Amino acid sequence: MNTSHSQTTQGFTLFGLLLYISLTAVVLTALGELTIGVLRLSTRADYDRSSIYALSFIQAKIGYDIGRADSIVAPTPEYPSASLSLLYEGDTITYYVAEERLWVQTSFSDPEALTPEDVVVSTSTFTAISTPLNKNPIRMDIETGIHDPLRPDILIQHPPTVLTWYPYAYD
């Protein structure tokens, strides 16, 4: 009786095992890089959104104060200024940039930051546009940015933004 047994071994060879491990490592590395990239973009989008909200708030807050102001002290059409000073019922309201943030201060109060800590305000210039009206339109050139979420030493600068207020539109 001649029985032939064919024995097949099921298992991994050393080469197959190394190939499997290396392919798994490549796939896991690619997934890790993809995940990190998505998280970086998501965090950056949150910071960009914060900057946009800050500019919208600045537009509304300064527009409100310009509309109710009795007069605009600075800037004048001849002299652009790094700050905006308004006179309202005997109180001076001043907007200025310090410590990479936009601040507002009245004669009777401490300074209040208008921009969040994650939004960096590099520069701002206020210019009064000459018109024959009592209160001139005010133009603000402002440069903002954010620190890279993964590399806080790197400042990501946004393009300069121009905000303009027409006081007579608020009356």
Protein backbone atom coordinates (compact mmCIF):
# COMPACT_ATOMS: atom_id res chain seq x y z
CA MET A 1 0.00 0.00 0.00
CA ASN A 2 1.52 3.04 -1.25
CA THR A 3 0.07 6.09 0.21
CA SER A 4 1.61 9.27 -0.69
CA HIS A 5 1.24 11.96 1.76
CA SER A 6 1.76 15.40 0.57
CA GLN A 7 2.58 17.61 3.42
CA THR A 8 2.18 21.28 2.78
CA THR A 9 3.35 23.61 5.43
CA GLN A 10 1.20 26.56 6.12
CA GLY A 11 3.04 29.47 7.65
CA PHE A 12 5.25 32.45 7.09
CA THR A 13 8.67 32.43 5.68
CA LEU A 14 11.16 34.90 7.05
CA PHE A 15 11.04 36.89 3.81
CA GLY A 16 7.24 36.98 3.83
CA LEU A 17 7.19 38.11 7.45
CA LEU A 18 9.66 40.94 6.77
CA LEU A 19 7.69 42.01 3.70
CA TYR A 20 4.46 42.06 5.70
CA ILE A 21 6.02 44.10 8.52
CA SER A 22 7.56 46.63 6.13
CA LEU A 23 4.29 47.12 4.19
CA THR A 24 2.39 47.56 7.45
CA ALA A 25 4.95 50.15 8.61
CA VAL A 26 4.63 52.09 5.34
CA VAL A 27 0.81 52.10 5.53
CA LEU A 28 0.80 53.16 9.20
CA THR A 29 3.33 55.93 8.49
CA ALA A 30 1.21 57.21 5.59
CA LEU A 31 -1.94 57.17 7.74
CA GLY A 32 -0.10 58.97 10.54
CA GLU A 33 1.14 61.69 8.19
CA LEU A 34 -2.34 62.07 6.72
CA THR A 35 -3.88 62.38 10.18
CA ILE A 36 -1.30 64.95 11.27
CA GLY A 37 -1.87 66.94 8.06
CA VAL A 38 -5.64 66.97 8.57
CA LEU A 39 -5.26 68.02 12.22
CA ARG A 40 -2.82 70.78 11.22
CA LEU A 41 -5.24 72.12 8.58
CA SER A 42 -8.14 71.94 11.02
CA THR A 43 -6.22 73.85 13.69
CA ARG A 44 -5.06 76.42 11.14
CA ALA A 45 -8.65 76.89 9.94
CA ASP A 46 -9.76 77.51 13.54
CA TYR A 47 -7.08 80.18 13.93
CA ASP A 48 -7.98 81.77 10.58
CA ARG A 49 -11.63 81.81 11.62
CA SER A 50 -10.61 83.50 14.88
CA SER A 51 -8.83 86.21 12.88
CA ILE A 52 -11.88 86.78 10.66
CA TYR A 53 -14.17 87.03 13.70
CA ALA A 54 -11.77 89.50 15.32
CA LEU A 55 -11.80 91.73 12.22
CA SER A 56 -15.61 91.57 12.07
CA PHE A 57 -15.85 92.54 15.72
CA ILE A 58 -13.38 95.42 15.20
CA GLN A 59 -15.43 96.63 12.22
CA ALA A 60 -18.63 96.65 14.28
CA LYS A 61 -17.17 98.09 17.50
CA ILE A 62 -15.27 100.95 15.90
CA GLY A 63 -18.18 101.65 13.54
CA TYR A 64 -20.52 101.95 16.51
CA ASP A 65 -18.18 104.33 18.34
CA ILE A 66 -17.53 106.46 15.25
CA GLY A 67 -21.27 106.73 14.62
CA ARG A 68 -22.00 108.02 18.13
CA ALA A 69 -18.88 110.21 18.46
CA ASP A 70 -19.26 113.97 18.71
CA SER A 71 -15.99 114.43 16.83
CA ILE A 72 -12.93 112.58 15.59
CA VAL A 73 -9.81 113.91 17.32
CA ALA A 74 -7.21 111.82 15.49
CA PRO A 75 -6.41 111.14 12.76
CA THR A 76 -6.95 114.28 10.77
CA PRO A 77 -6.93 114.34 6.96
CA GLU A 78 -3.42 115.79 7.01
CA TYR A 79 -1.94 113.42 9.58
CA PRO A 80 -2.52 109.65 9.56
CA SER A 81 -2.10 108.12 12.99
CA ALA A 82 -1.30 104.81 14.65
CA SER A 83 -4.30 105.40 16.89
CA LEU A 84 -7.90 106.53 16.55
CA SER A 85 -9.22 109.03 19.11
CA LEU A 86 -12.88 109.95 19.33
CA LEU A 87 -14.66 112.42 21.56
CA TYR A 88 -18.03 111.29 22.94
CA GLU A 89 -19.89 113.30 25.59
CA GLY A 90 -16.67 114.65 27.08
CA ASP A 91 -14.97 111.23 27.13
CA THR A 92 -12.08 110.33 24.85
CA ILE A 93 -12.16 106.85 23.29
CA THR A 94 -8.80 105.70 21.91
CA TYR A 95 -8.02 102.64 19.78
CA TYR A 96 -4.37 101.60 19.45
CA VAL A 97 -2.06 98.60 18.93
CA ALA A 98 0.22 97.42 21.73
CA GLU A 99 1.68 94.03 22.60
CA GLU A 100 0.49 92.62 19.24
CA ARG A 101 -3.18 93.29 20.05
CA LEU A 102 -5.72 96.03 19.34
CA TRP A 103 -6.84 97.88 22.47
CA VAL A 104 -9.52 100.41 23.34
CA GLN A 105 -9.34 102.80 26.27
CA THR A 106 -11.56 105.58 27.51
CA SER A 107 -10.59 108.45 29.78
CA PHE A 108 -12.32 106.73 32.68
CA SER A 109 -11.38 103.08 32.19
CA ASP A 110 -8.45 100.69 31.90
CA PRO A 111 -7.40 99.43 28.45
CA GLU A 112 -9.45 96.55 27.06
CA ALA A 113 -8.11 94.14 24.42
CA LEU A 114 -10.35 93.85 21.37
CA THR A 115 -8.47 91.02 19.69
CA PRO A 116 -8.00 87.54 21.16
CA GLU A 117 -4.55 86.35 22.19
CA ASP A 118 -4.24 83.98 19.21
CA VAL A 119 -4.63 86.84 16.70
CA VAL A 120 -1.48 88.92 16.25
CA VAL A 121 -1.93 92.53 15.12
CA SER A 122 1.36 93.66 13.58
CA THR A 123 0.46 97.16 12.48
CA SER A 124 -2.48 99.45 12.08
CA THR A 125 -2.75 102.90 10.57
CA PHE A 126 -5.78 105.13 10.78
CA THR A 127 -6.35 107.70 8.04
CA ALA A 128 -9.07 110.33 7.82
CA ILE A 129 -10.33 110.79 4.28
CA SER A 130 -10.85 114.46 3.45
CA THR A 131 -14.47 115.43 2.69
CA PRO A 132 -16.48 118.63 3.17
CA LEU A 133 -18.61 116.87 5.82
CA ASN A 134 -18.38 117.40 9.57
CA LYS A 135 -17.00 113.91 10.29
CA ASN A 136 -14.57 112.42 7.78
CA PRO A 137 -14.61 108.76 6.76
CA ILE A 138 -11.95 106.76 8.59
CA ARG A 139 -9.82 104.15 6.93
CA MET A 140 -7.88 101.57 8.93
CA ASP A 141 -5.09 99.54 7.36
CA ILE A 142 -4.45 96.57 9.63
CA GLU A 143 -2.12 93.60 9.35
CA THR A 144 -3.01 90.50 11.32
CA GLY A 145 -1.61 87.04 11.57
CA ILE A 146 -1.50 83.91 13.67
CA HIS A 147 1.27 81.84 15.13
CA ASP A 148 1.59 78.43 13.47
CA PRO A 149 -0.18 75.98 15.82
CA LEU A 150 2.65 73.45 15.56
CA ARG A 151 5.50 75.95 15.41
CA PRO A 152 4.58 78.93 17.62
CA ASP A 153 7.83 80.68 16.69
CA ILE A 154 6.54 81.09 13.11
CA LEU A 155 4.08 83.91 12.39
CA ILE A 156 1.69 83.30 9.51
CA GLN A 157 0.88 86.76 8.19
CA HIS A 158 -2.50 87.44 6.56
CA PRO A 159 -2.74 89.91 3.67
CA PRO A 160 -3.31 93.49 4.86
CA THR A 161 -6.96 94.33 5.49
CA VAL A 162 -8.59 97.70 4.89
CA LEU A 163 -11.59 98.66 6.99
CA THR A 164 -13.47 101.89 6.21
CA TRP A 165 -16.14 103.68 8.23
CA TYR A 166 -18.40 106.44 6.93
CA PRO A 167 -19.67 108.34 10.02
CA TYR A 168 -22.55 110.01 8.21
CA ALA A 169 -23.91 106.57 7.32
CA TYR A 170 -24.44 105.89 11.04
CA ASP A 171 -26.37 109.11 11.77
